[in-house]
Amino acid sequence: MINLGSDALSIPYPQFHGKLQKTEDKDSRLLPFLNFLRSSQFSFLDELKLSTNNSLKFSSNIPEGYGSGSSGAIVASCYDHFRTDNIIDPKTLRERFSKMEAFYHGKSSGTDPLISYLDTAIKFNSDDSIDIIPELNTSFENYSLILVDSGRSREGKEYIKWFLSRLKGRKFVSILAETLVPATHNCIESYLTSSETDFRDSFAIISNIQSEHMGKLIPDNMKSLWASGQRSGDLYLKICGAGGGGFFIGLIQKDAQLPELAKFKTYSLS
């Protein structure tokens, strides 16, 4: 949605992390990305250092194919290791990260690497401005945010390609522009101001639109939970990252009894 002019709010999750480390063995996961960086010859990366440095591995507990920023963390770590300057302007960094993360997704907003690199909450505005939020004090009385593990990893490129193909349809674009984008804006603003009712209502709109118009991005084993939560009003789910698997963000009523949710591993976000 960021690439479509929507606001976005990204918050780092400290339980998942990763870093570059020296190693005697080649990292088969990292090496193709390093080769991409070498061939791309980005002016902001040290070409000599890139050409001579193969003894690196990316050590991480971030699940891959889960929409939790694993590729963003790799990009941020490599940028920090090979950068040629100390630029801290968020927009410049985001542009650089977008170019680097294109290796993984074909098209990238640069958001995930920026969050990982700066390690702070960031609000991306529809006018392309960026607000750094060093401290969040959001609190809700009746609802909590959770991550729900679908138990299935996915290849993000497939689902990004599907989503971009849908943008060729006028009806789909109209739904995004007239309903989803405003709901996303309201959801972010109400979260930042701890306006619980407005946040729940906006989150529910996003959840409903995604289930109705983006069913391909929701794995089959999540659809029953998604529907039952909507019916009861006890749980609303939304896509995390490209969708298709991995994590989903949930807004759950604190006293809710949801036997179906017990089938999934969950992580508290608030």
Protein backbone atom coordinates (compact mmCIF):
# COMPACT_ATOMS: atom_id res chain seq x y z
CA MET A 1 0.00 0.00 0.00
CA ILE A 2 2.95 2.36 0.56
CA ASN A 3 3.70 2.30 -3.15
CA LEU A 4 0.08 3.36 -3.83
CA GLY A 5 0.19 6.61 -1.88
CA SER A 6 -1.17 5.32 1.40
CA ASP A 7 0.10 6.27 4.84
CA ALA A 8 1.94 3.51 6.67
CA LEU A 9 3.20 2.91 10.18
CA SER A 10 6.05 0.48 10.79
CA ILE A 11 7.25 -0.58 14.22
CA PRO A 12 10.30 -2.78 14.93
CA TYR A 13 9.68 -5.98 16.86
CA PRO A 14 12.65 -6.59 19.22
CA GLN A 15 12.03 -10.33 19.59
CA PHE A 16 13.31 -10.88 16.03
CA HIS A 17 16.79 -9.68 15.06
CA GLY A 18 19.81 -10.49 12.91
CA LYS A 19 23.36 -9.36 12.18
CA LEU A 20 26.31 -9.98 9.88
CA GLN A 21 29.09 -12.13 11.26
CA LYS A 22 32.44 -13.32 10.00
CA THR A 23 32.60 -16.98 9.03
CA GLU A 24 34.97 -19.46 7.44
CA ASP A 25 32.17 -20.96 5.37
CA LYS A 26 30.21 -19.22 2.63
CA ASP A 27 26.60 -18.36 3.42
CA SER A 28 24.59 -19.83 0.54
CA ARG A 29 21.65 -17.56 1.41
CA LEU A 30 23.71 -14.36 1.57
CA LEU A 31 26.09 -14.94 -1.35
CA PRO A 32 23.54 -14.36 -4.18
CA PHE A 33 22.61 -11.02 -2.64
CA LEU A 34 26.26 -10.00 -2.32
CA ASN A 35 26.77 -10.92 -5.97
CA PHE A 36 23.79 -8.73 -6.87
CA LEU A 37 25.30 -5.82 -4.95
CA ARG A 38 28.62 -6.30 -6.73
CA SER A 39 27.05 -6.35 -10.19
CA SER A 40 24.80 -3.37 -9.43
CA GLN A 41 27.77 -1.15 -8.51
CA PHE A 42 25.78 1.13 -6.25
CA SER A 43 27.77 4.31 -5.65
CA PHE A 44 26.88 4.32 -1.94
CA LEU A 45 28.53 0.91 -1.34
CA ASP A 46 32.26 0.24 -1.13
CA GLU A 47 33.03 -1.65 -4.34
CA LEU A 48 36.47 -2.80 -3.22
CA LYS A 49 35.20 -4.04 0.12
CA LEU A 50 32.36 -5.88 -1.64
CA SER A 51 34.69 -7.57 -4.11
CA THR A 52 37.03 -8.91 -1.46
CA ASN A 53 34.66 -9.77 1.36
CA ASN A 54 33.13 -13.24 1.09
CA SER A 55 33.64 -14.40 4.67
CA LEU A 56 30.30 -13.25 5.98
CA LYS A 57 27.10 -14.88 7.14
CA PHE A 58 23.80 -13.44 8.27
CA SER A 59 22.90 -14.80 11.70
CA SER A 60 19.22 -14.29 12.46
CA ASN A 61 16.16 -15.63 14.25
CA ILE A 62 13.78 -13.83 11.86
CA PRO A 63 11.53 -16.35 10.08
CA GLU A 64 11.98 -16.25 6.29
CA GLY A 65 8.96 -15.93 4.02
CA TYR A 66 6.85 -14.62 6.90
CA GLY A 67 6.39 -10.92 6.11
CA SER A 68 8.45 -10.04 9.19
CA GLY A 69 11.26 -8.22 7.43
CA SER A 70 13.91 -10.92 7.05
CA SER A 71 15.11 -9.55 3.71
CA GLY A 72 14.94 -6.01 5.10
CA ALA A 73 17.23 -6.97 7.96
CA ILE A 74 19.75 -8.49 5.54
CA VAL A 75 19.66 -5.35 3.38
CA ALA A 76 20.13 -3.06 6.40
CA SER A 77 23.01 -5.13 7.76
CA CYS A 78 24.82 -5.25 4.42
CA TYR A 79 24.30 -1.55 3.87
CA ASP A 80 25.75 -0.78 7.30
CA HIS A 81 28.77 -2.99 6.56
CA PHE A 82 29.53 -1.73 3.04
CA ARG A 83 28.29 1.89 3.04
CA THR A 84 30.64 4.66 1.90
CA ASP A 85 29.13 7.54 3.89
CA ASN A 86 27.22 8.35 7.08
CA ILE A 87 24.00 9.76 5.59
CA ILE A 88 21.11 9.61 8.05
CA ASP A 89 18.37 11.31 6.00
CA PRO A 90 15.45 8.81 6.04
CA LYS A 91 14.29 9.56 2.48
CA THR A 92 17.76 9.07 1.04
CA LEU A 93 18.23 5.86 3.01
CA ARG A 94 14.84 4.58 1.91
CA GLU A 95 15.70 5.19 -1.76
CA ARG A 96 18.94 3.28 -1.36
CA PHE A 97 17.27 0.42 0.47
CA SER A 98 14.57 0.23 -2.21
CA LYS A 99 17.21 -0.38 -4.85
CA MET A 100 18.96 -3.01 -2.76
CA GLU A 101 15.84 -4.90 -1.65
CA ALA A 102 14.62 -5.12 -5.25
CA PHE A 103 16.80 -8.24 -5.40
CA TYR A 104 14.30 -10.02 -3.16
CA HIS A 105 10.96 -8.59 -4.22
CA GLY A 106 11.38 -7.14 -7.72
CA LYS A 107 9.84 -3.92 -6.40
CA SER A 108 10.40 -2.57 -2.91
CA SER A 109 9.40 0.54 -0.99
CA GLY A 110 12.58 0.31 1.11
CA THR A 111 10.47 0.43 4.24
CA ASP A 112 11.54 -2.76 6.03
CA PRO A 113 15.29 -2.11 5.72
CA LEU A 114 14.79 1.46 6.95
CA ILE A 115 12.93 0.25 10.05
CA SER A 116 15.64 -2.31 10.73
CA TYR A 117 18.46 0.16 10.14
CA LEU A 118 17.08 2.99 12.30
CA ASP A 119 15.50 0.59 14.82
CA THR A 120 12.60 2.87 15.62
CA ALA A 121 8.95 3.34 14.70
CA ILE A 122 8.43 5.34 11.49
CA LYS A 123 5.33 6.87 9.92
CA PHE A 124 5.32 7.15 6.15
CA ASN A 125 2.94 9.84 4.94
CA SER A 126 1.00 10.01 1.68
CA ASP A 127 2.87 13.21 0.73
CA ASP A 128 6.12 11.19 0.80
CA SER A 129 7.32 12.78 4.04
CA ILE A 130 8.66 10.57 6.82
CA ASP A 131 8.14 11.01 10.57
CA ILE A 132 10.50 9.33 13.01
CA ILE A 133 8.67 8.26 16.17
CA PRO A 134 11.28 7.63 18.88
CA GLU A 135 8.73 6.62 21.50
CA LEU A 136 5.25 5.08 21.25
CA ASN A 137 2.86 5.30 24.18
CA THR A 138 -0.22 3.68 22.67
CA SER A 139 -2.44 1.75 25.09
CA PHE A 140 -5.88 0.18 24.71
CA GLU A 141 -8.27 -0.93 27.41
CA ASN A 142 -10.24 -3.65 25.62
CA TYR A 143 -8.13 -4.84 22.69
CA SER A 144 -4.60 -6.12 22.11
CA LEU A 145 -2.48 -6.51 18.99
CA ILE A 146 -0.97 -9.90 18.24
CA LEU A 147 1.00 -11.67 15.54
CA VAL A 148 -0.60 -14.90 14.35
CA ASP A 149 1.72 -17.49 12.81
CA SER A 150 -0.04 -19.19 9.89
CA GLY A 151 2.56 -21.97 10.02
CA ARG A 152 3.30 -21.53 6.33
CA SER A 153 6.15 -19.64 4.71
CA ARG A 154 5.72 -18.17 1.25
CA GLU A 155 7.64 -16.59 -1.62
CA GLY A 156 6.72 -12.91 -1.49
CA LYS A 157 7.36 -12.22 -5.19
CA GLU A 158 4.45 -14.45 -6.25
CA TYR A 159 1.92 -12.54 -4.16
CA ILE A 160 3.34 -9.12 -4.99
CA LYS A 161 3.02 -10.00 -8.67
CA TRP A 162 -0.60 -11.06 -8.13
CA PHE A 163 -1.41 -7.84 -6.28
CA LEU A 164 0.19 -5.67 -8.96
CA SER A 165 -1.79 -7.50 -11.65
CA ARG A 166 -5.01 -6.67 -9.77
CA LEU A 167 -4.12 -2.99 -9.97
CA LYS A 168 -4.86 -3.13 -13.69
CA GLY A 169 -8.56 -3.41 -12.83
CA ARG A 170 -10.45 -0.16 -12.26
CA LYS A 171 -12.83 -1.64 -9.71
CA PHE A 172 -10.01 -2.95 -7.51
CA VAL A 173 -8.12 0.36 -7.66
CA SER A 174 -11.34 2.20 -6.79
CA ILE A 175 -11.84 0.03 -3.70
CA LEU A 176 -8.31 0.75 -2.57
CA ALA A 177 -8.53 4.49 -3.18
CA GLU A 178 -12.00 5.07 -1.78
CA THR A 179 -12.07 2.63 1.12
CA LEU A 180 -8.80 0.93 2.02
CA VAL A 181 -6.47 3.94 1.86
CA PRO A 182 -8.74 6.14 4.05
CA ALA A 183 -9.23 3.27 6.51
CA THR A 184 -5.47 2.80 6.72
CA HIS A 185 -4.97 6.52 7.38
CA ASN A 186 -7.63 6.50 10.13
CA CYS A 187 -6.21 3.32 11.62
CA ILE A 188 -2.74 4.85 11.95
CA GLU A 189 -3.95 8.17 13.38
CA SER A 190 -6.21 6.48 15.93
CA TYR A 191 -3.41 4.13 16.96
CA LEU A 192 -1.02 7.01 17.57
CA THR A 193 -3.63 8.82 19.68
CA SER A 194 -4.83 5.67 21.51
CA SER A 195 -8.37 6.16 20.17
CA GLU A 196 -9.43 2.57 20.69
CA THR A 197 -12.93 2.58 19.16
CA ASP A 198 -11.80 4.40 16.01
CA PHE A 199 -8.80 2.08 15.73
CA ARG A 200 -10.98 -1.04 16.04
CA ASP A 201 -13.48 0.23 13.47
CA SER A 202 -10.77 1.14 10.95
CA PHE A 203 -8.92 -2.13 11.53
CA ALA A 204 -12.17 -4.03 10.96
CA ILE A 205 -12.71 -2.25 7.62
CA ILE A 206 -9.21 -3.21 6.48
CA SER A 207 -9.78 -6.81 7.59
CA ASN A 208 -13.09 -7.04 5.73
CA ILE A 209 -11.72 -5.56 2.51
CA GLN A 210 -8.77 -7.92 2.51
CA SER A 211 -10.91 -11.00 3.10
CA GLU A 212 -13.39 -9.98 0.39
CA HIS A 213 -11.02 -8.73 -2.30
CA MET A 214 -7.61 -10.26 -1.50
CA GLY A 215 -8.50 -13.84 -0.70
CA LYS A 216 -5.48 -15.18 -2.58
CA LEU A 217 -3.26 -13.49 0.00
CA ILE A 218 -4.92 -15.39 2.86
CA PRO A 219 -3.91 -19.07 3.23
CA ASP A 220 -6.75 -21.60 3.43
CA ASN A 221 -5.92 -22.61 7.00
CA MET A 222 -6.49 -19.01 8.15
CA LYS A 223 -9.82 -18.35 6.44
CA SER A 224 -12.09 -19.99 9.01
CA LEU A 225 -10.42 -18.11 11.89
CA TRP A 226 -10.61 -14.89 9.88
CA ALA A 227 -14.36 -15.32 9.25
CA SER A 228 -15.29 -16.39 12.77
CA GLY A 229 -13.38 -13.50 14.29
CA GLN A 230 -15.19 -11.04 12.04
CA ARG A 231 -18.60 -12.51 12.90
CA SER A 232 -18.05 -12.33 16.65
CA GLY A 233 -16.12 -9.05 16.60
CA ASP A 234 -13.57 -10.65 18.91
CA LEU A 235 -10.72 -10.87 16.39
CA TYR A 236 -9.86 -8.95 13.25
CA LEU A 237 -6.95 -10.05 11.09
CA LYS A 238 -4.95 -8.23 8.45
CA ILE A 239 -2.22 -9.18 6.02
CA CYS A 240 1.39 -8.67 7.06
CA GLY A 241 3.84 -8.00 4.23
CA ALA A 242 2.96 -9.62 0.92
CA GLY A 243 0.51 -12.08 2.48
CA GLY A 244 0.05 -15.64 1.32
CA GLY A 245 1.46 -17.09 4.53
CA GLY A 246 3.80 -16.18 7.35
CA PHE A 247 2.52 -13.78 10.00
CA PHE A 248 -0.79 -11.94 10.15
CA ILE A 249 -1.55 -9.05 12.47
CA GLY A 250 -4.55 -9.53 14.73
CA LEU A 251 -6.61 -7.18 16.86
CA ILE A 252 -8.18 -9.29 19.59
CA GLN A 253 -10.61 -8.49 22.37
CA LYS A 254 -8.80 -9.12 25.64
CA ASP A 255 -11.47 -11.40 27.15
CA ALA A 256 -12.17 -13.27 23.91
CA GLN A 257 -12.56 -17.06 23.93
CA LEU A 258 -11.46 -18.31 20.50
CA PRO A 259 -10.78 -22.07 20.38
CA GLU A 260 -9.73 -21.80 16.73
CA LEU A 261 -6.96 -19.38 17.63
CA ALA A 262 -5.40 -22.01 19.89
CA LYS A 263 -4.35 -23.91 16.76
CA PHE A 264 -1.91 -21.12 15.91
CA LYS A 265 1.18 -19.79 17.61
CA THR A 266 0.76 -16.15 18.58
CA TYR A 267 3.05 -13.33 19.74
CA SER A 268 1.96 -10.31 21.74
CA LEU A 269 2.53 -6.89 20.17
CA SER A 270 0.99 -4.78 22.94
